[in-house]
Protein backbone atom coordinates (compact mmCIF):
# COMPACT_ATOMS: atom_id res chain seq x y z
CA UNK A 1 94.48 87.71 56.61
CA UNK A 2 91.17 89.10 54.76
CA UNK A 3 93.50 91.39 52.87
CA UNK A 4 95.31 88.49 51.30
CA UNK A 5 92.07 87.01 50.63
CA UNK A 6 90.62 89.70 49.08
CA UNK A 7 93.49 90.40 46.89
CA UNK A 8 93.41 86.78 46.12
CA UNK A 9 89.63 87.07 45.05
CA UNK A 10 90.14 90.36 43.33
CA UNK A 11 93.40 89.21 41.33
CA UNK A 12 91.29 86.33 40.34
CA UNK A 13 87.99 88.22 39.31
CA UNK A 14 89.83 90.52 37.38
CA UNK A 15 92.06 88.45 35.37
CA UNK A 16 89.12 86.38 34.32
CA UNK A 17 87.00 89.27 33.37
CA UNK A 18 89.72 91.03 31.09
CA UNK A 19 90.39 87.41 29.11
CA UNK A 20 86.63 87.11 28.63
CA UNK A 21 86.20 90.99 27.77
CA UNK A 22 89.42 90.52 25.06
CA UNK A 23 88.06 86.98 23.55
CA UNK A 24 84.43 88.61 23.18
CA UNK A 25 86.11 91.50 21.06
CA UNK A 26 88.57 88.97 19.10
CA UNK A 27 85.42 86.90 18.50
CA UNK A 28 83.42 89.66 17.73
CA UNK A 29 85.95 90.87 15.56
CA UNK A 30 86.54 87.33 13.72
CA UNK A 31 83.14 86.21 13.39
CA UNK A 32 80.39 88.63 14.34
CA UNK A 33 81.34 91.16 11.51
CA UNK A 34 82.07 93.86 14.27
CA UNK A 35 84.41 96.64 13.02
CA UNK A 36 85.27 98.41 16.63
CA UNK A 37 84.52 101.84 15.05
CA UNK A 38 86.99 101.36 12.14
CA UNK A 39 85.86 102.72 8.98
CA UNK A 40 87.22 99.59 6.85
CA UNK A 41 86.15 96.50 5.60
CA UNK A 42 89.28 94.57 5.84
CA UNK A 43 88.47 91.90 8.52
CA UNK A 44 92.53 91.06 8.69
CA UNK A 45 92.87 94.97 10.19
CA UNK A 46 89.75 94.35 12.29
CA UNK A 47 90.91 91.33 13.47
CA UNK A 48 94.27 92.64 14.39
CA UNK A 49 93.04 95.81 15.95
CA UNK A 50 91.11 93.53 18.23
CA UNK A 51 94.13 91.72 19.17
CA UNK A 52 95.92 94.76 20.19
CA UNK A 53 92.97 95.93 22.17
CA UNK A 54 93.14 92.63 23.76
CA UNK A 55 96.87 92.84 24.17
CA UNK A 56 96.59 96.20 26.38
CA UNK A 57 93.98 95.40 28.44
CA UNK A 58 95.75 92.45 29.60
CA UNK A 59 99.12 94.25 30.22
CA UNK A 60 96.94 97.11 31.73
CA UNK A 61 95.72 94.62 34.28
CA UNK A 62 98.88 92.92 34.87
CA UNK A 63 100.53 96.41 36.02
CA UNK A 64 97.45 97.15 38.17
CA UNK A 65 97.86 93.57 40.01
CA UNK A 66 101.73 94.03 40.06
CA UNK A 67 101.14 97.32 41.99
CA UNK A 68 98.53 96.08 44.28
CA UNK A 69 100.94 92.61 44.75
CA UNK A 70 103.66 95.73 45.85
CA UNK A 71 101.47 97.30 48.34
CA UNK A 72 100.32 94.16 50.01
CA UNK A 73 104.07 92.89 50.06
CA UNK A 74 105.62 96.04 51.28
CA UNK A 75 102.62 97.35 54.10
CA UNK A 76 103.63 98.67 57.13
CA UNK A 77 103.03 97.29 60.30
CA UNK A 78 100.91 98.88 63.18
CA UNK A 79 102.70 98.35 66.71
CA UNK A 80 101.72 99.03 70.22
CA UNK A 81 102.80 97.52 73.48
CA UNK A 82 100.89 96.94 76.79
CA UNK A 83 102.74 97.05 79.92
CA UNK A 84 100.21 95.24 82.55
CA UNK A 85 101.45 95.03 86.30
CA UNK A 86 99.46 93.12 88.71
CA UNK A 87 96.94 95.27 90.62
CA UNK A 88 97.15 98.14 87.81
CA UNK A 89 95.37 98.64 84.67
CA UNK A 90 97.44 98.13 81.17
CA UNK A 91 100.09 100.81 80.72
CA UNK A 92 98.87 102.72 84.08
CA UNK A 93 101.25 101.44 86.58
CA UNK A 94 100.51 102.41 90.23
CA UNK A 95 102.57 100.99 93.11
CA UNK A 96 102.43 101.37 96.85
CA UNK A 97 105.81 102.29 98.51
CA UNK A 98 107.70 100.27 100.87
CA UNK A 99 105.72 101.07 104.50
CA UNK A 100 109.04 102.49 106.23
CA UNK A 101 110.05 104.88 103.61
CA UNK A 102 106.61 105.57 102.01
CA UNK A 103 106.38 109.05 103.37
CA UNK A 104 110.51 109.54 102.93
CA UNK A 105 109.99 111.63 100.06
CA UNK A 106 108.99 114.51 101.66
CA UNK A 107 111.73 114.29 104.09
CA UNK A 108 114.37 114.29 101.06
CA UNK A 109 114.70 110.25 101.03
CA UNK A 110 114.11 108.05 98.21
CA UNK A 111 110.99 105.72 98.60
CA UNK A 112 110.92 102.01 97.11
CA UNK A 113 108.13 100.20 95.37
CA UNK A 114 107.27 97.62 97.54
CA UNK A 115 108.70 94.04 96.42
CA UNK A 116 105.61 91.84 95.87
CA UNK A 117 103.13 90.77 93.18
CA UNK A 118 102.45 94.47 92.47
CA UNK A 119 105.89 95.16 90.76
CA UNK A 120 105.83 92.04 88.30
CA UNK A 121 104.46 92.97 84.77
CA UNK A 122 103.27 90.98 81.72
CA UNK A 123 104.65 92.87 78.14
CA UNK A 124 102.49 92.52 75.24
CA UNK A 125 103.67 93.64 71.75
CA UNK A 126 100.65 93.78 68.97
CA UNK A 127 100.36 94.23 65.55
CA UNK A 128 97.13 95.96 64.65
CA UNK A 129 97.88 95.92 60.70
CA UNK A 130 97.27 93.07 58.38
CA UNK A 131 101.17 93.51 57.47
CA UNK A 132 103.84 91.64 59.69
CA UNK A 133 106.71 93.51 61.44
CA UNK A 134 109.82 92.11 60.84
CA UNK A 135 112.69 92.66 63.46
CA UNK A 136 110.81 93.98 66.35
CA UNK A 137 112.24 95.83 69.22
CA UNK A 138 111.36 97.55 72.32
CA UNK A 139 113.69 99.80 74.59
CA UNK A 140 112.08 101.10 78.14
CA UNK A 141 113.92 103.55 79.65
CA UNK A 142 113.14 104.68 83.79
CA UNK A 143 112.17 108.14 84.09
CA UNK A 144 112.77 109.27 87.51
CA UNK A 145 113.49 105.79 88.81
CA UNK A 146 116.35 103.85 89.58
CA UNK A 147 117.73 100.35 90.87
CA UNK A 148 116.40 98.12 88.52
CA UNK A 149 117.52 94.74 88.92
CA UNK A 150 118.58 92.23 85.88
CA UNK A 151 116.11 90.97 83.95
CA UNK A 152 115.96 87.81 82.13
CA UNK A 153 115.59 88.29 78.43
CA UNK A 154 116.16 91.96 78.28
CA UNK A 155 119.66 93.39 77.72
CA UNK A 156 121.00 96.35 80.06
CA UNK A 157 121.60 99.12 77.57
CA UNK A 158 122.37 102.56 80.14
CA UNK A 159 123.53 102.12 83.42
CA UNK A 160 124.38 104.89 85.70
CA UNK A 161 126.67 104.66 88.43
CA UNK A 162 124.67 105.42 92.13
CA UNK A 163 121.78 105.04 90.05
CA UNK A 164 121.88 101.62 88.32
CA UNK A 165 120.69 100.21 85.19
CA UNK A 166 118.44 103.05 83.90
CA UNK A 167 117.48 101.37 80.24
CA UNK A 168 116.85 97.63 79.12
CA UNK A 169 116.03 96.32 75.60
CA UNK A 170 114.39 93.43 74.19
CA UNK A 171 115.44 92.46 70.38
CA UNK A 172 113.52 89.85 68.54
CA UNK A 173 116.29 89.31 66.02
CA UNK A 174 116.34 89.45 62.02
CA UNK A 175 114.60 86.31 61.69
CA UNK A 176 111.71 87.56 64.38
CA UNK A 177 108.38 88.73 63.25
CA UNK A 178 105.00 89.56 64.73
CA UNK A 179 102.10 88.31 62.40
CA UNK A 180 99.50 90.92 61.33
CA UNK A 181 96.48 91.11 63.59
CA UNK A 182 98.76 88.74 66.14
CA UNK A 183 100.30 89.67 69.67
CA UNK A 184 103.73 88.56 71.01
CA UNK A 185 104.16 88.22 74.86
CA UNK A 186 107.81 89.64 75.68
CA UNK A 187 109.80 88.79 78.63
CA UNK A 188 108.11 89.75 82.13
CA UNK A 189 108.83 92.97 84.01
CA UNK A 190 109.66 93.70 87.81
CA UNK A 191 110.04 96.83 89.44
CA UNK A 192 109.86 95.62 93.12
CA UNK A 193 112.48 97.48 95.29
CA UNK A 194 113.22 100.07 91.99
CA UNK A 195 113.65 103.27 93.61
CA UNK A 196 111.73 106.68 93.23
CA UNK A 197 114.45 109.33 92.54
CA UNK A 198 112.23 112.34 91.17
CA UNK A 199 108.91 112.10 93.07
CA UNK A 200 105.91 113.18 91.17
CA UNK A 201 108.06 112.84 87.79
CA UNK A 202 108.34 109.00 87.37
CA UNK A 203 107.56 107.38 84.23
CA UNK A 204 108.46 104.53 81.72
CA UNK A 205 109.35 105.62 78.53
CA UNK A 206 108.52 102.64 76.04
CA UNK A 207 110.44 102.77 72.41
CA UNK A 208 109.23 100.16 69.64
CA UNK A 209 111.02 99.68 66.65
CA UNK A 210 110.88 97.50 63.44
CA UNK A 211 112.02 97.43 59.94
CA UNK A 212 110.79 100.35 57.83
CA UNK A 213 108.66 101.89 60.62
CA UNK A 214 109.52 105.38 62.43
CA UNK A 215 110.08 104.40 66.36
CA UNK A 216 107.14 104.79 68.28
CA UNK A 217 107.43 106.23 71.79
CA UNK A 218 105.05 105.88 74.36
CA UNK A 219 105.34 107.52 78.02
CA UNK A 220 103.82 105.66 81.03
CA UNK A 221 103.66 107.64 83.76
CA UNK A 222 104.48 105.80 87.02
CA UNK A 223 102.47 106.40 90.37
CA UNK A 224 103.98 105.62 93.72
CA UNK A 225 101.89 105.89 96.62
CA UNK A 226 101.83 105.68 100.66
CA UNK A 227 99.73 102.91 102.20
CA UNK A 228 96.92 105.75 102.56
CA UNK A 229 96.85 106.80 99.27
CA UNK A 230 96.92 103.20 98.30
CA UNK A 231 94.09 102.03 99.87
CA UNK A 232 92.11 105.08 98.45
CA UNK A 233 93.53 103.59 94.74
CA UNK A 234 92.47 100.09 95.49
CA UNK A 235 88.97 101.13 95.67
CA UNK A 236 88.85 103.29 92.78
CA UNK A 237 90.71 100.11 91.02
CA UNK A 238 87.50 97.63 92.37
CA UNK A 239 84.99 100.41 91.19
CA UNK A 240 86.55 100.83 87.43
CA UNK A 241 87.40 97.25 86.93
CA UNK A 242 83.56 96.83 87.74
CA UNK A 243 82.41 99.21 85.00
CA UNK A 244 84.67 97.78 82.56
């Protein structure tokens, strides 16, 4: 990491410079006739003063380097997540409803997300800082959605009768880290056949945690469209993709 390399370089240069300056002061006081501003000709006093100055310089540098080492060792990670469904942009999930019920919301029924490749997502946890994220975890809560099936690698944490699983969680474990300037792929998601319980108010609420940081909460609105709306979206997506 650049920060670590810079810290090592700073440590080396600062230490060598301090030793050099201290040595020059001691040698100047011993052999060069330097008085160091003291109003005395007693060479022993002058040399002892030079040694004290040298010791103080080394102590100050050691304290500074210890502080820098502490900052390097205890820096906080900067975590973010990207949930990318097929045919959707990262963190912008858009789905087409099952054709037989894509208009049921207007009649009081619940639409379902059509079960094909569109409902499958990759999940990537990214650490943009130079500090490792220890013991990371991610929780995904369904807002206005229900009927989520079992997910390998994800633990069911909230189940509501008649709605089904509404929250799942991934825990990296105490021995797990996400290195600085690195990313980690989490188990895939599949929202195929998930039902829309609250039309127009559906979302995935993602919470990211790790040792030493405040939980990070991201709300990703979920759009569920009928067939005609999805055709329009497909054209818009293609145009947007060409511009990226």
